[in-house]
Amino acid sequence: MEINFIYIFILALTGIGVGFATGILGVGGGFILAPVQFFLLQSLGIDTDTAIRVAFGTSLAVMLPTAISGAYTHHKNSCVIIKPAIYLGFAGFFGGIFGGYIATHTPGDVLRILFGILIFFVVIQFLKYNNPTGAGKKILDIYHLFFYGFLAGICSGLLGIGGGIVLVPIMVILLRFSMIEAVGTSTAVIILTSLGGILAYSINGIGISGLPEYSVGYINLLQFAVLAGFSIPMARLGANMAQKLPENYLRYLFSAILIYIALKMLGFFDFFRIPL
């Protein structure tokens, strides 16, 4: 794997975008991290299955410190609901391990298509919802929280995402959180969902041939260092910015980014030869 300035530069820009997205939208940034790393690794000659798994595993590794940074700032701004965050995160940790194990035994093209389809489903449900202010009593019983946390964890491990693209709509639509509460709480939950996936990808990737240099299992330490170095400070900036934006703006920004990434992962732009 030949490393060059453009490779590092793209990773640095990606880290900036991911950190900001984590802080402002309560998502792990995997919807940005995974595709960028996947396409970079493929351009360096890494085969599809290995590239997608390294992209997912490294994405989760980057999310851990980035989510800690964003969650700390959200907590200072009183936007993390502690009890549901603990329940969701506990279940999400085990879901992340399970999802990561499945991903390391699933063909790369299948994972890529699943990723794109999942994002489209989430964004459609999110845009259809007409009450983003979280009016009404929150649903905080332990069974709902464990179920949705485990579901988000599976998605996190299976698709290299923090789980926020699933959790934020669930918390807003089904659990009746306000958008800013969902963003803050989701950022805290991502700490545990990503940790479960990290364990799965690092252990199941040990001894695999064809991995890029500086890899521990399916986690590439070089990409991790560059991405995390830029994403961690940006997560705090994004978390502070989230306090200043109307909730509808957050919802539409969240949806627009997801639509783009879904189209990219499903090969829409390549099919129509659109250079995006």
C-alpha atoms as a PDB file:
ATOM      1  CA  MET A   1       0.000   0.000   0.000  1.00  0.00           C
ATOM      2  CA  GLU A   2       1.749   3.120  -1.229  1.00  0.00           C
ATOM      3  CA  ILE A   3       1.033   6.154   0.949  1.00  0.00           C
ATOM      4  CA  ASN A   4       1.157   9.618  -0.622  1.00  0.00           C
ATOM      5  CA  PHE A   5       0.255  13.200   0.253  1.00  0.00           C
ATOM      6  CA  ILE A   6      -3.119  13.084  -1.501  1.00  0.00           C
ATOM      7  CA  TYR A   7      -4.062   9.957   0.452  1.00  0.00           C
ATOM      8  CA  ILE A   8      -3.228  11.652   3.780  1.00  0.00           C
ATOM      9  CA  PHE A   9      -4.904  14.908   2.705  1.00  0.00           C
ATOM     10  CA  ILE A  10      -8.167  13.152   1.839  1.00  0.00           C
ATOM     11  CA  LEU A  11      -8.108  11.330   5.182  1.00  0.00           C
ATOM     12  CA  ALA A  12      -7.528  14.615   7.023  1.00  0.00           C
ATOM     13  CA  LEU A  13     -10.457  16.320   5.287  1.00  0.00           C
ATOM     14  CA  THR A  14     -12.601  13.297   6.025  1.00  0.00           C
ATOM     15  CA  GLY A  15     -11.651  13.458   9.696  1.00  0.00           C
ATOM     16  CA  ILE A  16     -12.701  17.091   9.846  1.00  0.00           C
ATOM     17  CA  GLY A  17     -16.082  16.305   8.277  1.00  0.00           C
ATOM     18  CA  VAL A  18     -16.656  13.273  10.467  1.00  0.00           C
ATOM     19  CA  GLY A  19     -15.852  15.091  13.691  1.00  0.00           C
ATOM     20  CA  PHE A  20     -18.212  17.912  12.806  1.00  0.00           C
ATOM     21  CA  ALA A  21     -20.969  15.482  11.788  1.00  0.00           C
ATOM     22  CA  THR A  22     -20.594  13.527  15.022  1.00  0.00           C
ATOM     23  CA  GLY A  23     -20.931  16.625  17.144  1.00  0.00           C
ATOM     24  CA  ILE A  24     -23.699  18.382  15.257  1.00  0.00           C
ATOM     25  CA  LEU A  25     -25.850  15.400  14.221  1.00  0.00           C
ATOM     26  CA  GLY A  26     -25.186  12.744  16.872  1.00  0.00           C
ATOM     27  CA  VAL A  27     -24.022  10.181  14.316  1.00  0.00           C
ATOM     28  CA  GLY A  28     -20.768   8.260  14.372  1.00  0.00           C
ATOM     29  CA  GLY A  29     -19.672   9.533  10.991  1.00  0.00           C
ATOM     30  CA  GLY A  30     -19.370   6.034   9.572  1.00  0.00           C
ATOM     31  CA  PHE A  31     -21.525   7.068   6.634  1.00  0.00           C
ATOM     32  CA  ILE A  32     -18.637   9.362   5.674  1.00  0.00           C
ATOM     33  CA  LEU A  33     -15.700   7.398   7.059  1.00  0.00           C
ATOM     34  CA  ALA A  34     -16.541   4.008   5.579  1.00  0.00           C
ATOM     35  CA  PRO A  35     -17.131   5.025   1.926  1.00  0.00           C
ATOM     36  CA  VAL A  36     -14.080   7.306   1.776  1.00  0.00           C
ATOM     37  CA  GLN A  37     -11.764   4.680   3.237  1.00  0.00           C
ATOM     38  CA  PHE A  38     -13.297   1.966   1.060  1.00  0.00           C
ATOM     39  CA  PHE A  39     -12.679   3.875  -2.156  1.00  0.00           C
ATOM     40  CA  LEU A  40      -9.178   4.936  -1.042  1.00  0.00           C
ATOM     41  CA  LEU A  41      -8.185   1.376  -0.164  1.00  0.00           C
ATOM     42  CA  GLN A  42      -9.550   0.058  -3.456  1.00  0.00           C
ATOM     43  CA  SER A  43      -7.542   2.698  -5.322  1.00  0.00           C
ATOM     44  CA  LEU A  44      -4.426   1.347  -3.585  1.00  0.00           C
ATOM     45  CA  GLY A  45      -5.079  -2.192  -4.820  1.00  0.00           C
ATOM     46  CA  ILE A  46      -6.761  -3.719  -1.744  1.00  0.00           C
ATOM     47  CA  ASP A  47      -9.397  -6.281  -2.731  1.00  0.00           C
ATOM     48  CA  THR A  48     -13.076  -5.437  -2.211  1.00  0.00           C
ATOM     49  CA  ASP A  49     -13.816  -7.738   0.726  1.00  0.00           C
ATOM     50  CA  THR A  50     -10.742  -6.674   2.674  1.00  0.00           C
ATOM     51  CA  ALA A  51     -11.188  -2.993   1.803  1.00  0.00           C
ATOM     52  CA  ILE A  52     -14.793  -2.841   3.045  1.00  0.00           C
ATOM     53  CA  ARG A  53     -13.957  -4.638   6.292  1.00  0.00           C
ATOM     54  CA  VAL A  54     -10.927  -2.443   7.007  1.00  0.00           C
ATOM     55  CA  ALA A  55     -13.029   0.617   6.200  1.00  0.00           C
ATOM     56  CA  PHE A  56     -15.760  -0.478   8.624  1.00  0.00           C
ATOM     57  CA  GLY A  57     -13.383  -1.578  11.395  1.00  0.00           C
ATOM     58  CA  THR A  58     -11.247   1.556  11.224  1.00  0.00           C
ATOM     59  CA  SER A  59     -14.362   3.727  11.086  1.00  0.00           C
ATOM     60  CA  LEU A  60     -15.523   2.305  14.399  1.00  0.00           C
ATOM     61  CA  ALA A  61     -12.078   2.852  15.931  1.00  0.00           C
ATOM     62  CA  VAL A  62     -12.177   6.532  14.903  1.00  0.00           C
ATOM     63  CA  MET A  63     -15.702   6.939  16.266  1.00  0.00           C
ATOM     64  CA  LEU A  64     -14.740   5.952  19.810  1.00  0.00           C
ATOM     65  CA  PRO A  65     -12.558   8.968  20.738  1.00  0.00           C
ATOM     66  CA  THR A  66     -14.587  11.256  18.475  1.00  0.00           C
ATOM     67  CA  ALA A  67     -17.836  10.310  20.235  1.00  0.00           C
ATOM     68  CA  ILE A  68     -16.192  10.785  23.645  1.00  0.00           C
ATOM     69  CA  SER A  69     -15.227  14.319  22.617  1.00  0.00           C
ATOM     70  CA  GLY A  70     -18.690  15.160  21.267  1.00  0.00           C
ATOM     71  CA  ALA A  71     -20.560  13.524  24.160  1.00  0.00           C
ATOM     72  CA  TYR A  72     -18.526  15.476  26.701  1.00  0.00           C
ATOM     73  CA  THR A  73     -19.521  18.752  25.085  1.00  0.00           C
ATOM     74  CA  HIS A  74     -23.177  17.700  24.743  1.00  0.00           C
ATOM     75  CA  HIS A  75     -23.200  16.664  28.402  1.00  0.00           C
ATOM     76  CA  LYS A  76     -21.901  20.083  29.435  1.00  0.00           C
ATOM     77  CA  ASN A  77     -24.770  21.577  27.439  1.00  0.00           C
ATOM     78  CA  SER A  78     -27.278  19.282  29.265  1.00  0.00           C
ATOM     79  CA  CYS A  79     -28.267  17.427  26.089  1.00  0.00           C
ATOM     80  CA  VAL A  80     -27.338  13.875  27.137  1.00  0.00           C
ATOM     81  CA  ILE A  81     -30.118  11.943  28.885  1.00  0.00           C
ATOM     82  CA  ILE A  82     -27.956   9.706  31.051  1.00  0.00           C
ATOM     83  CA  LYS A  83     -30.214   6.764  31.982  1.00  0.00           C
ATOM     84  CA  PRO A  84     -31.383   5.872  28.444  1.00  0.00           C
ATOM     85  CA  ALA A  85     -27.851   6.447  27.154  1.00  0.00           C
ATOM     86  CA  ILE A  86     -26.567   3.783  29.563  1.00  0.00           C
ATOM     87  CA  TYR A  87     -29.260   1.240  28.638  1.00  0.00           C
ATOM     88  CA  LEU A  88     -28.978   1.884  24.907  1.00  0.00           C
ATOM     89  CA  GLY A  89     -25.190   1.782  25.051  1.00  0.00           C
ATOM     90  CA  PHE A  90     -25.033  -1.409  27.122  1.00  0.00           C
ATOM     91  CA  ALA A  91     -27.226  -3.289  24.649  1.00  0.00           C
ATOM     92  CA  GLY A  92     -25.457  -1.611  21.736  1.00  0.00           C
ATOM     93  CA  PHE A  93     -22.074  -2.889  22.926  1.00  0.00           C
ATOM     94  CA  PHE A  94     -23.175  -6.511  22.567  1.00  0.00           C
ATOM     95  CA  GLY A  95     -25.035  -5.747  19.344  1.00  0.00           C
ATOM     96  CA  GLY A  96     -21.805  -4.251  17.976  1.00  0.00           C
ATOM     97  CA  ILE A  97     -19.868  -7.428  18.728  1.00  0.00           C
ATOM     98  CA  PHE A  98     -22.537  -9.547  17.044  1.00  0.00           C
ATOM     99  CA  GLY A  99     -22.801  -7.276  13.996  1.00  0.00           C
ATOM    100  CA  GLY A 100     -19.026  -7.089  13.606  1.00  0.00           C
ATOM    101  CA  TYR A 101     -18.734 -10.880  13.667  1.00  0.00           C
ATOM    102  CA  ILE A 102     -21.358 -11.186  10.908  1.00  0.00           C
ATOM    103  CA  ALA A 103     -19.622  -8.523   8.810  1.00  0.00           C
ATOM    104  CA  THR A 104     -16.273 -10.291   8.865  1.00  0.00           C
ATOM    105  CA  HIS A 105     -17.943 -13.330   7.258  1.00  0.00           C
ATOM    106  CA  THR A 106     -20.055 -11.480   4.655  1.00  0.00           C
ATOM    107  CA  PRO A 107     -18.967 -10.510   1.077  1.00  0.00           C
ATOM    108  CA  GLY A 108     -17.963  -6.843   0.667  1.00  0.00           C
ATOM    109  CA  ASP A 109     -20.423  -6.055  -2.128  1.00  0.00           C
ATOM    110  CA  VAL A 110     -23.293  -7.348   0.011  1.00  0.00           C
ATOM    111  CA  LEU A 111     -22.243  -5.070   2.878  1.00  0.00           C
ATOM    112  CA  ARG A 112     -21.976  -2.062   0.555  1.00  0.00           C
ATOM    113  CA  ILE A 113     -25.476  -2.587  -0.863  1.00  0.00           C
ATOM    114  CA  LEU A 114     -26.942  -3.235   2.589  1.00  0.00           C
ATOM    115  CA  PHE A 115     -25.380  -0.007   3.794  1.00  0.00           C
ATOM    116  CA  GLY A 116     -26.949   2.009   0.981  1.00  0.00           C
ATOM    117  CA  ILE A 117     -30.390   0.432   1.403  1.00  0.00           C
ATOM    118  CA  LEU A 118     -30.354   0.969   5.180  1.00  0.00           C
ATOM    119  CA  ILE A 119     -29.539   4.644   4.804  1.00  0.00           C
ATOM    120  CA  PHE A 120     -32.330   5.163   2.261  1.00  0.00           C
ATOM    121  CA  PHE A 121     -34.852   3.505   4.582  1.00  0.00           C
ATOM    122  CA  VAL A 122     -33.779   5.657   7.514  1.00  0.00           C
ATOM    123  CA  VAL A 123     -33.894   8.933   5.625  1.00  0.00           C
ATOM    124  CA  ILE A 124     -37.347   8.224   4.158  1.00  0.00           C
ATOM    125  CA  GLN A 125     -38.769   7.545   7.618  1.00  0.00           C
ATOM    126  CA  PHE A 126     -37.055  10.606   9.027  1.00  0.00           C
ATOM    127  CA  LEU A 127     -38.358  12.961   6.339  1.00  0.00           C
ATOM    128  CA  LYS A 128     -41.898  11.568   6.651  1.00  0.00           C
ATOM    129  CA  TYR A 129     -41.990  12.330  10.356  1.00  0.00           C
ATOM    130  CA  ASN A 130     -43.832  15.569  11.127  1.00  0.00           C
ATOM    131  CA  ASN A 131     -43.079  16.137  14.807  1.00  0.00           C
ATOM    132  CA  PRO A 132     -39.343  16.702  15.248  1.00  0.00           C
ATOM    133  CA  THR A 133     -39.762  18.668  18.460  1.00  0.00           C
ATOM    134  CA  GLY A 134     -40.239  15.560  20.585  1.00  0.00           C
ATOM    135  CA  ALA A 135     -43.550  16.683  22.038  1.00  0.00           C
ATOM    136  CA  GLY A 136     -45.084  14.237  24.472  1.00  0.00           C
ATOM    137  CA  LYS A 137     -43.771  12.002  27.229  1.00  0.00           C
ATOM    138  CA  LYS A 138     -40.560  10.126  26.431  1.00  0.00           C
ATOM    139  CA  ILE A 139     -40.686   6.335  26.274  1.00  0.00           C
ATOM    140  CA  LEU A 140     -37.893   5.218  28.587  1.00  0.00           C
ATOM    141  CA  ASP A 141     -38.765   1.685  29.679  1.00  0.00           C
ATOM    142  CA  ILE A 142     -35.824  -0.673  29.780  1.00  0.00           C
ATOM    143  CA  TYR A 143     -37.196  -3.196  27.265  1.00  0.00           C
ATOM    144  CA  HIS A 144     -37.597  -0.624  24.476  1.00  0.00           C
ATOM    145  CA  LEU A 145     -34.163   0.824  25.221  1.00  0.00           C
ATOM    146  CA  PHE A 146     -32.427  -2.561  25.238  1.00  0.00           C
ATOM    147  CA  PHE A 147     -34.122  -3.615  22.009  1.00  0.00           C
ATOM    148  CA  TYR A 148     -33.330  -0.427  20.088  1.00  0.00           C
ATOM    149  CA  GLY A 149     -29.817  -0.288  21.536  1.00  0.00           C
ATOM    150  CA  PHE A 150     -29.082  -3.849  20.418  1.00  0.00           C
ATOM    151  CA  LEU A 151     -30.506  -3.080  16.969  1.00  0.00           C
ATOM    152  CA  ALA A 152     -28.309   0.012  16.640  1.00  0.00           C
ATOM    153  CA  GLY A 153     -25.322  -2.005  17.830  1.00  0.00           C
ATOM    154  CA  ILE A 154     -25.879  -4.679  15.173  1.00  0.00           C
ATOM    155  CA  CYS A 155     -26.050  -1.991  12.498  1.00  0.00           C
ATOM    156  CA  SER A 156     -22.937  -0.405  13.968  1.00  0.00           C
ATOM    157  CA  GLY A 157     -20.862  -3.571  13.832  1.00  0.00           C
ATOM    158  CA  LEU A 158     -22.339  -4.894  10.602  1.00  0.00           C
ATOM    159  CA  LEU A 159     -21.935  -1.690   8.604  1.00  0.00           C
ATOM    160  CA  GLY A 160     -19.125   0.210  10.340  1.00  0.00           C
ATOM    161  CA  ILE A 161     -21.366   3.002  11.571  1.00  0.00           C
ATOM    162  CA  GLY A 162     -21.716   4.342  15.092  1.00  0.00           C
ATOM    163  CA  GLY A 163     -25.404   3.523  15.126  1.00  0.00           C
ATOM    164  CA  GLY A 164     -26.479   7.160  15.202  1.00  0.00           C
ATOM    165  CA  ILE A 165     -28.164   7.073  11.794  1.00  0.00           C
ATOM    166  CA  VAL A 166     -30.486   4.456  13.269  1.00  0.00           C
ATOM    167  CA  LEU A 167     -30.682   5.762  16.833  1.00  0.00           C
ATOM    168  CA  VAL A 168     -31.452   9.421  16.156  1.00  0.00           C
ATOM    169  CA  PRO A 169     -34.598   8.692  14.082  1.00  0.00           C
ATOM    170  CA  ILE A 170     -35.670   5.998  16.588  1.00  0.00           C
ATOM    171  CA  MET A 171     -35.295   8.360  19.521  1.00  0.00           C
ATOM    172  CA  VAL A 172     -37.101  11.195  17.764  1.00  0.00           C
ATOM    173  CA  ILE A 173     -39.915   9.204  16.130  1.00  0.00           C
ATOM    174  CA  LEU A 174     -40.486   6.271  18.483  1.00  0.00           C
ATOM    175  CA  LEU A 175     -39.096   7.353  21.861  1.00  0.00           C
ATOM    176  CA  ARG A 176     -40.248  11.002  21.587  1.00  0.00           C
ATOM    177  CA  PHE A 177     -36.940  12.740  22.275  1.00  0.00           C
ATOM    178  CA  SER A 178     -36.397  16.239  20.967  1.00  0.00           C
ATOM    179  CA  MET A 179     -33.892  16.413  18.125  1.00  0.00           C
ATOM    180  CA  ILE A 180     -31.151  17.977  20.246  1.00  0.00           C
ATOM    181  CA  GLU A 181     -31.699  15.409  23.038  1.00  0.00           C
ATOM    182  CA  ALA A 182     -31.523  12.595  20.487  1.00  0.00           C
ATOM    183  CA  VAL A 183     -28.305  14.032  19.028  1.00  0.00           C
ATOM    184  CA  GLY A 184     -26.621  14.405  22.421  1.00  0.00           C
ATOM    185  CA  THR A 185     -27.735  11.039  23.785  1.00  0.00           C
ATOM    186  CA  SER A 186     -26.868   9.228  20.558  1.00  0.00           C
ATOM    187  CA  THR A 187     -23.340  10.630  20.675  1.00  0.00           C
ATOM    188  CA  ALA A 188     -22.889   9.101  24.133  1.00  0.00           C
ATOM    189  CA  VAL A 189     -24.327   5.735  23.034  1.00  0.00           C
ATOM    190  CA  ILE A 190     -21.903   5.582  20.104  1.00  0.00           C
ATOM    191  CA  ILE A 191     -19.042   5.238  22.598  1.00  0.00           C
ATOM    192  CA  LEU A 192     -20.256   1.761  23.548  1.00  0.00           C
ATOM    193  CA  THR A 193     -21.649   0.602  20.195  1.00  0.00           C
ATOM    194  CA  SER A 194     -18.357   1.423  18.482  1.00  0.00           C
ATOM    195  CA  LEU A 195     -16.356  -0.331  21.214  1.00  0.00           C
ATOM    196  CA  GLY A 196     -18.234  -3.581  20.611  1.00  0.00           C
ATOM    197  CA  GLY A 197     -17.569  -3.387  16.879  1.00  0.00           C
ATOM    198  CA  ILE A 198     -13.886  -2.570  17.439  1.00  0.00           C
ATOM    199  CA  LEU A 199     -13.417  -5.774  19.426  1.00  0.00           C
ATOM    200  CA  ALA A 200     -15.125  -7.849  16.723  1.00  0.00           C
ATOM    201  CA  TYR A 201     -13.161  -6.384  13.791  1.00  0.00           C
ATOM    202  CA  SER A 202      -9.776  -6.495  15.524  1.00  0.00           C
ATOM    203  CA  ILE A 203     -10.145 -10.104  16.729  1.00  0.00           C
ATOM    204  CA  ASN A 204     -11.746 -11.560  13.593  1.00  0.00           C
ATOM    205  CA  GLY A 205      -9.159  -9.904  11.350  1.00  0.00           C
ATOM    206  CA  ILE A 206      -6.109 -11.429  13.044  1.00  0.00           C
ATOM    207  CA  GLY A 207      -4.015 -13.494  10.623  1.00  0.00           C
ATOM    208  CA  ILE A 208      -5.965 -12.431   7.521  1.00  0.00           C
ATOM    209  CA  SER A 209      -3.768 -12.054   4.416  1.00  0.00           C
ATOM    210  CA  GLY A 210      -3.905  -9.002   2.141  1.00  0.00           C
ATOM    211  CA  LEU A 211      -4.416  -6.423   4.905  1.00  0.00           C
ATOM    212  CA  PRO A 212      -2.847  -2.970   4.391  1.00  0.00           C
ATOM    213  CA  GLU A 213       0.285  -2.111   6.378  1.00  0.00           C
ATOM    214  CA  TYR A 214      -0.038  -1.002  10.007  1.00  0.00           C
ATOM    215  CA  SER A 215      -3.207  -3.015  10.588  1.00  0.00           C
ATOM    216  CA  VAL A 216      -4.366  -4.749  13.755  1.00  0.00           C
ATOM    217  CA  GLY A 217      -6.960  -7.154  12.449  1.00  0.00           C
ATOM    218  CA  TYR A 218      -9.308  -5.118  10.276  1.00  0.00           C
ATOM    219  CA  ILE A 219      -8.319  -1.831  11.944  1.00  0.00           C
ATOM    220  CA  ASN A 220      -5.678   0.230  10.148  1.00  0.00           C
ATOM    221  CA  LEU A 221      -3.650   2.273  12.632  1.00  0.00           C
ATOM    222  CA  LEU A 222      -2.335   4.795  10.083  1.00  0.00           C
ATOM    223  CA  GLN A 223      -5.801   5.733   8.882  1.00  0.00           C
ATOM    224  CA  PHE A 224      -7.033   5.774  12.474  1.00  0.00           C
ATOM    225  CA  ALA A 225      -4.295   8.201  13.568  1.00  0.00           C
ATOM    226  CA  VAL A 226      -4.941  10.697  10.760  1.00  0.00           C
ATOM    227  CA  LEU A 227      -8.732  10.539  10.940  1.00  0.00           C
ATOM    228  CA  ALA A 228      -8.978  10.677  14.725  1.00  0.00           C
ATOM    229  CA  GLY A 229      -6.407  13.447  14.977  1.00  0.00           C
ATOM    230  CA  PHE A 230      -8.654  15.752  12.965  1.00  0.00           C
ATOM    231  CA  SER A 231     -12.077  14.477  14.009  1.00  0.00           C
ATOM    232  CA  ILE A 232     -11.741  14.746  17.801  1.00  0.00           C
ATOM    233  CA  PRO A 233     -11.448  18.561  18.057  1.00  0.00           C
ATOM    234  CA  MET A 234     -14.078  19.032  15.339  1.00  0.00           C
ATOM    235  CA  ALA A 235     -16.579  16.940  17.327  1.00  0.00           C
ATOM    236  CA  ARG A 236     -16.528  19.520  20.116  1.00  0.00           C
ATOM    237  CA  LEU A 237     -17.028  22.347  17.622  1.00  0.00           C
ATOM    238  CA  GLY A 238     -19.964  20.509  16.018  1.00  0.00           C
ATOM    239  CA  ALA A 239     -21.576  19.823  19.392  1.00  0.00           C
ATOM    240  CA  ASN A 240     -21.465  23.514  20.245  1.00  0.00           C
ATOM    241  CA  MET A 241     -22.875  24.436  16.823  1.00  0.00           C
ATOM    242  CA  ALA A 242     -25.791  22.033  17.319  1.00  0.00           C
ATOM    243  CA  GLN A 243     -27.056  24.227  20.155  1.00  0.00           C
ATOM    244  CA  LYS A 244     -27.443  27.188  17.795  1.00  0.00           C
ATOM    245  CA  LEU A 245     -29.340  25.581  14.897  1.00  0.00           C
ATOM    246  CA  PRO A 246     -33.139  25.123  14.710  1.00  0.00           C
ATOM    247  CA  GLU A 247     -34.129  21.461  15.067  1.00  0.00           C
ATOM    248  CA  ASN A 248     -35.674  21.311  11.583  1.00  0.00           C
ATOM    249  CA  TYR A 249     -32.385  22.477  10.090  1.00  0.00           C
ATOM    250  CA  LEU A 250     -30.573  19.651  11.870  1.00  0.00           C
ATOM    251  CA  ARG A 251     -33.096  17.141  10.553  1.00  0.00           C
ATOM    252  CA  TYR A 252     -32.835  18.335   6.927  1.00  0.00           C
ATOM    253  CA  LEU A 253     -29.028  18.518   7.051  1.00  0.00           C
ATOM    254  CA  PHE A 254     -28.937  15.001   8.484  1.00  0.00           C
ATOM    255  CA  SER A 255     -31.214  13.746   5.695  1.00  0.00           C
ATOM    256  CA  ALA A 256     -29.344  15.445   2.827  1.00  0.00           C
ATOM    257  CA  ILE A 257     -26.016  13.913   3.836  1.00  0.00           C
ATOM    258  CA  LEU A 258     -27.569  10.467   4.153  1.00  0.00           C
ATOM    259  CA  ILE A 259     -29.141  10.636   0.690  1.00  0.00           C
ATOM    260  CA  TYR A 260     -25.796  11.449  -0.910  1.00  0.00           C
ATOM    261  CA  ILE A 261     -23.959   8.626   0.860  1.00  0.00           C
ATOM    262  CA  ALA A 262     -26.696   6.094   0.053  1.00  0.00           C
ATOM    263  CA  LEU A 263     -26.511   6.961  -3.648  1.00  0.00           C
ATOM    264  CA  LYS A 264     -22.715   6.724  -3.547  1.00  0.00           C
ATOM    265  CA  MET A 265     -22.663   3.316  -1.899  1.00  0.00           C
ATOM    266  CA  LEU A 266     -25.304   1.936  -4.264  1.00  0.00           C
ATOM    267  CA  GLY A 267     -23.232   3.009  -7.279  1.00  0.00           C
ATOM    268  CA  PHE A 268     -25.729   5.595  -8.569  1.00  0.00           C
ATOM    269  CA  PHE A 269     -23.101   8.183  -9.512  1.00  0.00           C
ATOM    270  CA  ASP A 270     -20.850   5.600 -11.153  1.00  0.00           C
ATOM    271  CA  PHE A 271     -23.735   4.194 -13.174  1.00  0.00           C
ATOM    272  CA  PHE A 272     -24.604   7.631 -14.587  1.00  0.00           C
ATOM    273  CA  ARG A 273     -20.923   8.674 -14.744  1.00  0.00           C
ATOM    274  CA  ILE A 274     -21.440  11.609 -12.404  1.00  0.00           C
ATOM    275  CA  PRO A 275     -18.089  12.608 -10.845  1.00  0.00           C
ATOM    276  CA  LEU A 276     -19.283  12.954  -7.230  1.00  0.00           C
END
